[in-house]
Full PDB file with SEQRES, HELIX, SHEET, SSBOND, CRYST1, ORIGX, SCALE, CONECT and MASTER records, all heavy atoms in Angstrom:
SEQRES   1 A   38  MET ASN ASN LEU LYS LEU ASP ALA THR ALA VAL TYR TYR          
SEQRES   2 A   38  CYS ALA ALA SER ARG SER PHE TRP ALA VAL ARG PRO SER          
SEQRES   3 A   38  PRO PRO VAL ASN SER PHE HIS SER TRP GLY GLN GLY              
HELIX    1 AA1 LEU A    6  ALA A    8  5                                   3    
HELIX    2 AA2 VAL A   29  SER A   31  5                                   3    
SHEET    1 AA1 2 ALA A  15  SER A  17  0                                        
SHEET    2 AA1 2 PHE A  32  TRP A  35 -1                                        
CRYST1    1.000    1.000    1.000  90.00  90.00  90.00 P 1           1          
ORIGX1      1.000000  0.000000  0.000000        0.00000                         
ORIGX2      0.000000  1.000000  0.000000        0.00000                         
ORIGX3      0.000000  0.000000  1.000000        0.00000                         
SCALE1      1.000000  0.000000  0.000000        0.00000                         
SCALE2      0.000000  1.000000  0.000000        0.00000                         
SCALE3      0.000000  0.000000  1.000000        0.00000                         
ATOM      1  N   MET A   1      77.540 -70.753-139.187  1.00  0.00           N  
ATOM      2  CA  MET A   1      77.219 -70.438-140.583  1.00  0.00           C  
ATOM      3  C   MET A   1      78.476 -70.609-141.425  1.00  0.00           C  
ATOM      4  O   MET A   1      79.468 -69.895-141.217  1.00  0.00           O  
ATOM      5  CB  MET A   1      76.691 -69.007-140.689  1.00  0.00           C  
ATOM      6  CG  MET A   1      75.501 -68.737-139.784  1.00  0.00           C  
ATOM      7  SD  MET A   1      74.770 -67.093-140.028  1.00  0.00           S  
ATOM      8  CE  MET A   1      76.103 -66.042-139.461  1.00  0.00           C  
ATOM      9  N   ASN A   2      78.436 -71.548-142.333  1.00  0.00           N  
ATOM     10  CA  ASN A   2      79.571 -71.840-143.209  1.00  0.00           C  
ATOM     11  C   ASN A   2      79.229 -71.506-144.654  1.00  0.00           C  
ATOM     12  O   ASN A   2      78.059 -71.459-145.033  1.00  0.00           O  
ATOM     13  CB  ASN A   2      79.970 -73.310-143.111  1.00  0.00           C  
ATOM     14  CG  ASN A   2      80.433 -73.698-141.729  1.00  0.00           C  
ATOM     15  OD1 ASN A   2      81.012 -72.892-140.996  1.00  0.00           O  
ATOM     16  ND2 ASN A   2      80.180 -74.942-141.350  1.00  0.00           N  
ATOM     17  N   ASN A   3      80.275 -71.302-145.441  1.00  0.00           N  
ATOM     18  CA  ASN A   3      80.107 -71.014-146.867  1.00  0.00           C  
ATOM     19  C   ASN A   3      79.042 -69.926-147.073  1.00  0.00           C  
ATOM     20  O   ASN A   3      78.081 -70.098-147.831  1.00  0.00           O  
ATOM     21  CB  ASN A   3      79.718 -72.286-147.621  1.00  0.00           C  
ATOM     22  CG  ASN A   3      79.778 -72.111-149.121  1.00  0.00           C  
ATOM     23  OD1 ASN A   3      80.402 -71.180-149.630  1.00  0.00           O  
ATOM     24  ND2 ASN A   3      79.091 -72.981-149.840  1.00  0.00           N  
ATOM     25  N   LEU A   4      79.257 -68.825-146.389  1.00  0.00           N  
ATOM     26  CA  LEU A   4      78.276 -67.742-146.450  1.00  0.00           C  
ATOM     27  C   LEU A   4      78.216 -67.128-147.838  1.00  0.00           C  
ATOM     28  O   LEU A   4      79.243 -66.936-148.500  1.00  0.00           O  
ATOM     29  CB  LEU A   4      78.617 -66.669-145.412  1.00  0.00           C  
ATOM     30  CG  LEU A   4      78.219 -67.049-143.984  1.00  0.00           C  
ATOM     31  CD1 LEU A   4      78.988 -66.215-142.966  1.00  0.00           C  
ATOM     32  CD2 LEU A   4      76.726 -66.869-143.786  1.00  0.00           C  
ATOM     33  N   LYS A   5      77.008 -66.809-148.232  1.00  0.00           N  
ATOM     34  CA  LYS A   5      76.781 -66.196-149.542  1.00  0.00           C  
ATOM     35  C   LYS A   5      76.390 -64.738-149.348  1.00  0.00           C  
ATOM     36  O   LYS A   5      76.006 -64.317-148.259  1.00  0.00           O  
ATOM     37  CB  LYS A   5      75.678 -66.959-150.273  1.00  0.00           C  
ATOM     38  CG  LYS A   5      76.000 -68.449-150.462  1.00  0.00           C  
ATOM     39  CD  LYS A   5      74.911 -69.146-151.224  1.00  0.00           C  
ATOM     40  CE  LYS A   5      75.168 -70.643-151.317  1.00  0.00           C  
ATOM     41  NZ  LYS A   5      76.432 -70.945-151.992  1.00  0.00           N  
ATOM     42  N   LEU A   6      76.475 -63.981-150.426  1.00  0.00           N  
ATOM     43  CA  LEU A   6      76.151 -62.560-150.343  1.00  0.00           C  
ATOM     44  C   LEU A   6      74.737 -62.332-149.817  1.00  0.00           C  
ATOM     45  O   LEU A   6      74.487 -61.369-149.082  1.00  0.00           O  
ATOM     46  CB  LEU A   6      76.321 -61.906-151.712  1.00  0.00           C  
ATOM     47  CG  LEU A   6      77.754 -61.787-152.232  1.00  0.00           C  
ATOM     48  CD1 LEU A   6      77.747 -61.301-153.679  1.00  0.00           C  
ATOM     49  CD2 LEU A   6      78.572 -60.831-151.367  1.00  0.00           C  
ATOM     50  N   ASP A   7      73.814 -63.215-150.187  1.00  0.00           N  
ATOM     51  CA  ASP A   7      72.421 -62.998-149.777  1.00  0.00           C  
ATOM     52  C   ASP A   7      72.184 -63.346-148.306  1.00  0.00           C  
ATOM     53  O   ASP A   7      71.052 -63.237-147.831  1.00  0.00           O  
ATOM     54  CB  ASP A   7      71.447 -63.768-150.667  1.00  0.00           C  
ATOM     55  CG  ASP A   7      71.629 -65.270-150.611  1.00  0.00           C  
ATOM     56  OD1 ASP A   7      72.469 -65.751-149.822  1.00  0.00           O  
ATOM     57  OD2 ASP A   7      70.928 -65.971-151.355  1.00  0.00           O  
ATOM     58  N   ALA A   8      73.221 -63.740-147.600  1.00  0.00           N  
ATOM     59  CA  ALA A   8      73.105 -63.960-146.156  1.00  0.00           C  
ATOM     60  C   ALA A   8      73.257 -62.656-145.378  1.00  0.00           C  
ATOM     61  O   ALA A   8      73.053 -62.644-144.154  1.00  0.00           O  
ATOM     62  CB  ALA A   8      74.144 -64.960-145.675  1.00  0.00           C  
ATOM     63  N   THR A   9      73.608 -61.587-146.064  1.00  0.00           N  
ATOM     64  CA  THR A   9      73.727 -60.289-145.402  1.00  0.00           C  
ATOM     65  C   THR A   9      72.399 -59.901-144.771  1.00  0.00           C  
ATOM     66  O   THR A   9      71.379 -59.819-145.456  1.00  0.00           O  
ATOM     67  CB  THR A   9      74.144 -59.205-146.409  1.00  0.00           C  
ATOM     68  OG1 THR A   9      75.465 -59.492-146.855  1.00  0.00           O  
ATOM     69  CG2 THR A   9      74.101 -57.826-145.780  1.00  0.00           C  
ATOM     70  N   ALA A  10      72.410 -59.690-143.450  1.00  0.00           N  
ATOM     71  CA  ALA A  10      71.163 -59.410-142.737  1.00  0.00           C  
ATOM     72  C   ALA A  10      71.491 -59.092-141.287  1.00  0.00           C  
ATOM     73  O   ALA A  10      72.626 -59.267-140.829  1.00  0.00           O  
ATOM     74  CB  ALA A  10      70.226 -60.615-142.799  1.00  0.00           C  
ATOM     75  N   VAL A  11      70.469 -58.655-140.587  1.00  0.00           N  
ATOM     76  CA  VAL A  11      70.524 -58.608-139.127  1.00  0.00           C  
ATOM     77  C   VAL A  11      69.914 -59.913-138.634  1.00  0.00           C  
ATOM     78  O   VAL A  11      68.814 -60.288-139.040  1.00  0.00           O  
ATOM     79  CB  VAL A  11      69.746 -57.407-138.565  1.00  0.00           C  
ATOM     80  CG1 VAL A  11      69.773 -57.433-137.040  1.00  0.00           C  
ATOM     81  CG2 VAL A  11      70.332 -56.108-139.091  1.00  0.00           C  
ATOM     82  N   TYR A  12      70.641 -60.612-137.781  1.00  0.00           N  
ATOM     83  CA  TYR A  12      70.209 -61.904-137.271  1.00  0.00           C  
ATOM     84  C   TYR A  12      69.704 -61.748-135.841  1.00  0.00           C  
ATOM     85  O   TYR A  12      70.322 -61.061-135.018  1.00  0.00           O  
ATOM     86  CB  TYR A  12      71.350 -62.909-137.328  1.00  0.00           C  
ATOM     87  CG  TYR A  12      71.628 -63.399-138.731  1.00  0.00           C  
ATOM     88  CD1 TYR A  12      72.251 -62.575-139.668  1.00  0.00           C  
ATOM     89  CD2 TYR A  12      71.256 -64.676-139.130  1.00  0.00           C  
ATOM     90  CE1 TYR A  12      72.480 -63.001-140.967  1.00  0.00           C  
ATOM     91  CE2 TYR A  12      71.498 -65.117-140.428  1.00  0.00           C  
ATOM     92  CZ  TYR A  12      72.101 -64.280-141.333  1.00  0.00           C  
ATOM     93  OH  TYR A  12      72.332 -64.723-142.623  1.00  0.00           O  
ATOM     94  N   TYR A  13      68.598 -62.408-135.559  1.00  0.00           N  
ATOM     95  CA  TYR A  13      67.968 -62.357-134.243  1.00  0.00           C  
ATOM     96  C   TYR A  13      67.741 -63.776-133.727  1.00  0.00           C  
ATOM     97  O   TYR A  13      67.394 -64.663-134.501  1.00  0.00           O  
ATOM     98  CB  TYR A  13      66.588 -61.696-134.317  1.00  0.00           C  
ATOM     99  CG  TYR A  13      66.554 -60.319-134.893  1.00  0.00           C  
ATOM    100  CD1 TYR A  13      66.479 -60.108-136.272  1.00  0.00           C  
ATOM    101  CD2 TYR A  13      66.553 -59.193-134.062  1.00  0.00           C  
ATOM    102  CE1 TYR A  13      66.429 -58.840-136.813  1.00  0.00           C  
ATOM    103  CE2 TYR A  13      66.499 -57.916-134.593  1.00  0.00           C  
ATOM    104  CZ  TYR A  13      66.438 -57.751-135.952  1.00  0.00           C  
ATOM    105  OH  TYR A  13      66.385 -56.484-136.482  1.00  0.00           O  
ATOM    106  N   CYS A  14      67.894 -63.971-132.428  1.00  0.00           N  
ATOM    107  CA  CYS A  14      67.440 -65.206-131.824  1.00  0.00           C  
ATOM    108  C   CYS A  14      66.206 -64.897-130.978  1.00  0.00           C  
ATOM    109  O   CYS A  14      66.046 -63.783-130.463  1.00  0.00           O  
ATOM    110  CB  CYS A  14      68.527 -65.858-130.979  1.00  0.00           C  
ATOM    111  SG  CYS A  14      69.138 -64.900-129.577  1.00  0.00           S  
ATOM    112  N   ALA A  15      65.343 -65.884-130.863  1.00  0.00           N  
ATOM    113  CA  ALA A  15      64.103 -65.720-130.115  1.00  0.00           C  
ATOM    114  C   ALA A  15      63.771 -67.031-129.419  1.00  0.00           C  
ATOM    115  O   ALA A  15      63.999 -68.106-129.978  1.00  0.00           O  
ATOM    116  CB  ALA A  15      62.969 -65.293-131.038  1.00  0.00           C  
ATOM    117  N   ALA A  16      63.229 -66.924-128.216  1.00  0.00           N  
ATOM    118  CA  ALA A  16      62.912 -68.093-127.405  1.00  0.00           C  
ATOM    119  C   ALA A  16      61.406 -68.310-127.341  1.00  0.00           C  
ATOM    120  O   ALA A  16      60.640 -67.348-127.228  1.00  0.00           O  
ATOM    121  CB  ALA A  16      63.462 -67.911-125.989  1.00  0.00           C  
ATOM    122  N   SER A  17      61.005 -69.564-127.406  1.00  0.00           N  
ATOM    123  CA  SER A  17      59.579 -69.894-127.317  1.00  0.00           C  
ATOM    124  C   SER A  17      59.408 -71.200-126.560  1.00  0.00           C  
ATOM    125  O   SER A  17      60.295 -72.053-126.569  1.00  0.00           O  
ATOM    126  CB  SER A  17      58.971 -70.027-128.721  1.00  0.00           C  
ATOM    127  OG  SER A  17      59.644 -71.028-129.469  1.00  0.00           O  
ATOM    128  N   ARG A  18      58.269 -71.364-125.940  1.00  0.00           N  
ATOM    129  CA  ARG A  18      57.975 -72.618-125.245  1.00  0.00           C  
ATOM    130  C   ARG A  18      57.794 -73.762-126.232  1.00  0.00           C  
ATOM    131  O   ARG A  18      58.171 -74.898-125.971  1.00  0.00           O  
ATOM    132  CB  ARG A  18      56.711 -72.462-124.413  1.00  0.00           C  
ATOM    133  CG  ARG A  18      56.928 -71.689-123.119  1.00  0.00           C  
ATOM    134  CD  ARG A  18      57.683 -72.512-122.099  1.00  0.00           C  
ATOM    135  NE  ARG A  18      57.660 -71.900-120.781  1.00  0.00           N  
ATOM    136  CZ  ARG A  18      58.192 -72.464-119.702  1.00  0.00           C  
ATOM    137  NH1 ARG A  18      58.792 -73.633-119.788  1.00  0.00           N  
ATOM    138  NH2 ARG A  18      58.129 -71.850-118.539  1.00  0.00           N  
ATOM    139  N   SER A  19      57.222 -73.467-127.378  1.00  0.00           N  
ATOM    140  CA  SER A  19      56.991 -74.486-128.400  1.00  0.00           C  
ATOM    141  C   SER A  19      58.101 -74.457-129.434  1.00  0.00           C  
ATOM    142  O   SER A  19      58.714 -73.416-129.690  1.00  0.00           O  
ATOM    143  CB  SER A  19      55.647 -74.242-129.087  1.00  0.00           C  
ATOM    144  OG  SER A  19      54.580 -74.314-128.165  1.00  0.00           O  
ATOM    145  N   PHE A  20      58.345 -75.603-130.035  1.00  0.00           N  
ATOM    146  CA  PHE A  20      59.316 -75.718-131.118  1.00  0.00           C  
ATOM    147  C   PHE A  20      58.586 -75.434-132.430  1.00  0.00           C  
ATOM    148  O   PHE A  20      57.570 -76.059-132.731  1.00  0.00           O  
ATOM    149  CB  PHE A  20      59.914 -77.121-131.137  1.00  0.00           C  
ATOM    150  CG  PHE A  20      60.772 -77.411-132.332  1.00  0.00           C  
ATOM    151  CD1 PHE A  20      61.896 -76.649-132.582  1.00  0.00           C  
ATOM    152  CD2 PHE A  20      60.466 -78.455-133.195  1.00  0.00           C  
ATOM    153  CE1 PHE A  20      62.712 -76.914-133.673  1.00  0.00           C  
ATOM    154  CE2 PHE A  20      61.264 -78.730-134.292  1.00  0.00           C  
ATOM    155  CZ  PHE A  20      62.386 -77.967-134.529  1.00  0.00           C  
ATOM    156  N   TRP A  21      59.133 -74.477-133.180  1.00  0.00           N  
ATOM    157  CA  TRP A  21      58.515 -74.083-134.433  1.00  0.00           C  
ATOM    158  C   TRP A  21      59.443 -74.398-135.595  1.00  0.00           C  
ATOM    159  O   TRP A  21      60.648 -74.127-135.522  1.00  0.00           O  
ATOM    160  CB  TRP A  21      58.233 -72.576-134.432  1.00  0.00           C  
ATOM    161  CG  TRP A  21      57.174 -72.167-133.476  1.00  0.00           C  
ATOM    162  CD1 TRP A  21      57.339 -71.720-132.198  1.00  0.00           C  
ATOM    163  CD2 TRP A  21      55.763 -72.162-133.717  1.00  0.00           C  
ATOM    164  NE1 TRP A  21      56.131 -71.429-131.644  1.00  0.00           N  
ATOM    165  CE2 TRP A  21      55.137 -71.692-132.551  1.00  0.00           C  
ATOM    166  CE3 TRP A  21      54.971 -72.506-134.818  1.00  0.00           C  
ATOM    167  CZ2 TRP A  21      53.754 -71.564-132.434  1.00  0.00           C  
ATOM    168  CZ3 TRP A  21      53.594 -72.375-134.705  1.00  0.00           C  
ATOM    169  CH2 TRP A  21      53.000 -71.912-133.532  1.00  0.00           C  
ATOM    170  N   ALA A  22      58.879 -74.929-136.659  1.00  0.00           N  
ATOM    171  CA  ALA A  22      59.613 -74.980-137.918  1.00  0.00           C  
ATOM    172  C   ALA A  22      59.752 -73.551-138.435  1.00  0.00           C  
ATOM    173  O   ALA A  22      58.957 -72.670-138.085  1.00  0.00           O  
ATOM    174  CB  ALA A  22      58.860 -75.844-138.931  1.00  0.00           C  
ATOM    175  N   VAL A  23      60.773 -73.320-139.258  1.00  0.00           N  
ATOM    176  CA  VAL A  23      60.990 -71.946-139.708  1.00  0.00           C  
ATOM    177  C   VAL A  23      60.143 -71.582-140.924  1.00  0.00           C  
ATOM    178  O   VAL A  23      60.024 -70.416-141.282  1.00  0.00           O  
ATOM    179  CB  VAL A  23      62.476 -71.689-140.021  1.00  0.00           C  
ATOM    180  CG1 VAL A  23      63.291 -71.800-138.740  1.00  0.00           C  
ATOM    181  CG2 VAL A  23      62.998 -72.625-141.093  1.00  0.00           C  
ATOM    182  N   ARG A  24      59.572 -72.598-141.588  1.00  0.00           N  
ATOM    183  CA  ARG A  24      58.635 -72.322-142.675  1.00  0.00           C  
ATOM    184  C   ARG A  24      57.433 -73.244-142.523  1.00  0.00           C  
ATOM    185  O   ARG A  24      57.615 -74.440-142.328  1.00  0.00           O  
ATOM    186  CB  ARG A  24      59.286 -72.515-144.031  1.00  0.00           C  
ATOM    187  CG  ARG A  24      60.410 -71.533-144.297  1.00  0.00           C  
ATOM    188  CD  ARG A  24      60.761 -71.481-145.763  1.00  0.00           C  
ATOM    189  NE  ARG A  24      59.729 -70.806-146.527  1.00  0.00           N  
ATOM    190  CZ  ARG A  24      59.819 -70.600-147.836  1.00  0.00           C  
ATOM    191  NH1 ARG A  24      60.867 -71.044-148.508  1.00  0.00           N  
ATOM    192  NH2 ARG A  24      58.867 -69.979-148.487  1.00  0.00           N  
ATOM    193  N   PRO A  25      56.227 -72.747-142.604  1.00  0.00           N  
ATOM    194  CA  PRO A  25      55.912 -71.326-142.781  1.00  0.00           C  
ATOM    195  C   PRO A  25      56.389 -70.504-141.587  1.00  0.00           C  
ATOM    196  O   PRO A  25      56.657 -71.040-140.514  1.00  0.00           O  
ATOM    197  CB  PRO A  25      54.390 -71.311-142.898  1.00  0.00           C  
ATOM    198  CG  PRO A  25      53.959 -72.545-142.191  1.00  0.00           C  
ATOM    199  CD  PRO A  25      55.024 -73.571-142.433  1.00  0.00           C  
ATOM    200  N   SER A  26      56.506 -69.213-141.794  1.00  0.00           N  
ATOM    201  CA  SER A  26      57.055 -68.348-140.771  1.00  0.00           C  
ATOM    202  C   SER A  26      56.245 -68.455-139.486  1.00  0.00           C  
ATOM    203  O   SER A  26      55.021 -68.305-139.514  1.00  0.00           O  
ATOM    204  CB  SER A  26      57.042 -66.896-141.267  1.00  0.00           C  
ATOM    205  OG  SER A  26      57.723 -66.065-140.357  1.00  0.00           O  
ATOM    206  N   PRO A  27      56.887 -68.754-138.365  1.00  0.00           N  
ATOM    207  CA  PRO A  27      56.140 -68.917-137.110  1.00  0.00           C  
ATOM    208  C   PRO A  27      55.564 -67.594-136.631  1.00  0.00           C  
ATOM    209  O   PRO A  27      56.105 -66.528-136.921  1.00  0.00           O  
ATOM    210  CB  PRO A  27      57.210 -69.438-136.137  1.00  0.00           C  
ATOM    211  CG  PRO A  27      58.510 -69.035-136.717  1.00  0.00           C  
ATOM    212  CD  PRO A  27      58.335 -68.997-138.190  1.00  0.00           C  
ATOM    213  N   PRO A  28      54.458 -67.668-135.892  1.00  0.00           N  
ATOM    214  CA  PRO A  28      53.830 -66.430-135.393  1.00  0.00           C  
ATOM    215  C   PRO A  28      54.730 -65.737-134.377  1.00  0.00           C  
ATOM    216  O   PRO A  28      55.169 -66.349-133.403  1.00  0.00           O  
ATOM    217  CB  PRO A  28      52.533 -66.933-134.752  1.00  0.00           C  
ATOM    218  CG  PRO A  28      52.766 -68.379-134.472  1.00  0.00           C  
ATOM    219  CD  PRO A  28      53.711 -68.870-135.503  1.00  0.00           C  
ATOM    220  N   VAL A  29      54.987 -64.479-134.591  1.00  0.00           N  
ATOM    221  CA  VAL A  29      55.949 -63.770-133.738  1.00  0.00           C  
ATOM    222  C   VAL A  29      55.468 -63.636-132.303  1.00  0.00           C  
ATOM    223  O   VAL A  29      56.269 -63.528-131.379  1.00  0.00           O  
ATOM    224  CB  VAL A  29      56.289 -62.383-134.315  1.00  0.00           C  
ATOM    225  CG1 VAL A  29      57.029 -62.527-135.640  1.00  0.00           C  
ATOM    226  CG2 VAL A  29      55.045 -61.533-134.484  1.00  0.00           C  
ATOM    227  N   ASN A  30      54.133 -63.667-132.088  1.00  0.00           N  
ATOM    228  CA  ASN A  30      53.647 -63.525-130.723  1.00  0.00           C  
ATOM    229  C   ASN A  30      53.819 -64.809-129.913  1.00  0.00           C  
ATOM    230  O   ASN A  30      53.427 -64.878-128.756  1.00  0.00           O  
ATOM    231  CB  ASN A  30      52.185 -63.060-130.703  1.00  0.00           C  
ATOM    232  CG  ASN A  30      51.274 -64.014-131.432  1.00  0.00           C  
ATOM    233  OD1 ASN A  30      51.691 -65.060-131.914  1.00  0.00           O  
ATOM    234  ND2 ASN A  30      49.999 -63.648-131.535  1.00  0.00           N  
ATOM    235  N   SER A  31      54.382 -65.845-130.531  1.00  0.00           N  
ATOM    236  CA  SER A  31      54.664 -67.083-129.815  1.00  0.00           C  
ATOM    237  C   SER A  31      55.999 -67.048-129.089  1.00  0.00           C  
ATOM    238  O   SER A  31      56.322 -67.978-128.344  1.00  0.00           O  
ATOM    239  CB  SER A  31      54.681 -68.269-130.791  1.00  0.00           C  
ATOM    240  OG  SER A  31      53.420 -68.435-131.387  1.00  0.00           O  
ATOM    241  N   PHE A  32      56.747 -65.994-129.301  1.00  0.00           N  
ATOM    242  CA  PHE A  32      58.102 -65.933-128.765  1.00  0.00           C  
ATOM    243  C   PHE A  32      58.159 -65.112-127.486  1.00  0.00           C  
ATOM    244  O   PHE A  32      57.669 -64.000-127.416  1.00  0.00           O  
ATOM    245  CB  PHE A  32      59.079 -65.409-129.829  1.00  0.00           C  
ATOM    246  CG  PHE A  32      59.221 -66.381-130.958  1.00  0.00           C  
ATOM    247  CD1 PHE A  32      58.381 -66.329-132.049  1.00  0.00           C  
ATOM    248  CD2 PHE A  32      60.166 -67.391-130.889  1.00  0.00           C  
ATOM    249  CE1 PHE A  32      58.486 -67.256-133.071  1.00  0.00           C  
ATOM    250  CE2 PHE A  32      60.283 -68.321-131.907  1.00  0.00           C  
ATOM    251  CZ  PHE A  32      59.435 -68.250-133.002  1.00  0.00           C  
ATOM    252  N   HIS A  33      58.787 -65.700-126.528  1.00  0.00           N  
ATOM    253  CA  HIS A  33      58.858 -65.162-125.179  1.00  0.00           C  
ATOM    254  C   HIS A  33      59.827 -63.995-125.092  1.00  0.00           C  
ATOM    255  O   HIS A  33      59.563 -62.993-124.435  1.00  0.00           O  
ATOM    256  CB  HIS A  33      59.291 -66.313-124.266  1.00  0.00           C  
ATOM    257  CG  HIS A  33      59.694 -65.922-122.898  1.00  0.00           C  
ATOM    258  ND1 HIS A  33      60.976 -65.528-122.587  1.00  0.00           N  
ATOM    259  CD2 HIS A  33      58.993 -65.885-121.747  1.00  0.00           C  
ATOM    260  CE1 HIS A  33      61.021 -65.263-121.293  1.00  0.00           C  
ATOM    261  NE2 HIS A  33      59.850 -65.459-120.770  1.00  0.00           N  
ATOM    262  N   SER A  34      60.983 -64.133-125.728  1.00  0.00           N  
ATOM    263  CA  SER A  34      62.023 -63.113-125.680  1.00  0.00           C  
ATOM    264  C   SER A  34      62.729 -63.045-127.019  1.00  0.00           C  
ATOM    265  O   SER A  34      62.860 -64.062-127.705  1.00  0.00           O  
ATOM    266  CB  SER A  34      63.059 -63.442-124.601  1.00  0.00           C  
ATOM    267  OG  SER A  34      62.482 -63.429-123.318  1.00  0.00           O  
ATOM    268  N   TRP A  35      63.228 -61.859-127.331  1.00  0.00           N  
ATOM    269  CA  TRP A  35      63.975 -61.626-128.563  1.00  0.00           C  
ATOM    270  C   TRP A  35      65.306 -60.979-128.225  1.00  0.00           C  
ATOM    271  O   TRP A  35      65.395 -60.145-127.313  1.00  0.00           O  
ATOM    272  CB  TRP A  35      63.209 -60.685-129.488  1.00  0.00           C  
ATOM    273  CG  TRP A  35      61.983 -61.265-130.105  1.00  0.00           C  
ATOM    274  CD1 TRP A  35      60.758 -61.402-129.518  1.00  0.00           C  
ATOM    275  CD2 TRP A  35      61.852 -61.780-131.418  1.00  0.00           C  
ATOM    276  NE1 TRP A  35      59.873 -61.975-130.399  1.00  0.00           N  
ATOM    277  CE2 TRP A  35      60.522 -62.209-131.584  1.00  0.00           C  
ATOM    278  CE3 TRP A  35      62.733 -61.912-132.500  1.00  0.00           C  
ATOM    279  CZ2 TRP A  35      60.048 -62.774-132.761  1.00  0.00           C  
ATOM    280  CZ3 TRP A  35      62.256 -62.472-133.676  1.00  0.00           C  
ATOM    281  CH2 TRP A  35      60.929 -62.898-133.802  1.00  0.00           C  
ATOM    282  N   GLY A  36      66.330 -61.343-128.989  1.00  0.00           N  
ATOM    283  CA  GLY A  36      67.590 -60.627-128.886  1.00  0.00           C  
ATOM    284  C   GLY A  36      67.497 -59.295-129.610  1.00  0.00           C  
ATOM    285  O   GLY A  36      66.527 -59.024-130.333  1.00  0.00           O  
ATOM    286  N   GLN A  37      68.510 -58.491-129.440  1.00  0.00           N  
ATOM    287  CA  GLN A  37      68.506 -57.155-130.030  1.00  0.00           C  
ATOM    288  C   GLN A  37      68.910 -57.176-131.496  1.00  0.00           C  
ATOM    289  O   GLN A  37      68.727 -56.185-132.212  1.00  0.00           O  
ATOM    290  CB  GLN A  37      69.474 -56.239-129.252  1.00  0.00           C  
ATOM    291  CG  GLN A  37      70.952 -56.386-129.595  1.00  0.00           C  
ATOM    292  CD  GLN A  37      71.588 -57.654-129.053  1.00  0.00           C  
ATOM    293  OE1 GLN A  37      70.955 -58.431-128.322  1.00  0.00           O  
ATOM    294  NE2 GLN A  37      72.851 -57.855-129.385  1.00  0.00           N  
ATOM    295  N   GLY A  38      69.450 -58.281-131.948  1.00  0.00           N  
ATOM    296  CA  GLY A  38      69.872 -58.406-133.340  1.00  0.00           C  
ATOM    297  C   GLY A  38      71.351 -58.117-133.491  1.00  0.00           C  
ATOM    298  O   GLY A  38      71.931 -57.334-132.733  1.00  0.00           O  
TER     299      GLY A  38                                                      
MASTER        0    0    0    2    2    0    0    6  298    1    0    3          
END                                                                             
């Protein structure tokens, strides 16, 4: 993440899925096998 802006303030999570999802529209959360703790 470069040139971070104030609105980037957040908790970031990674999640694994068998399928590749575009980030918009928001992918269905039940498609993800595992989630990080944030």
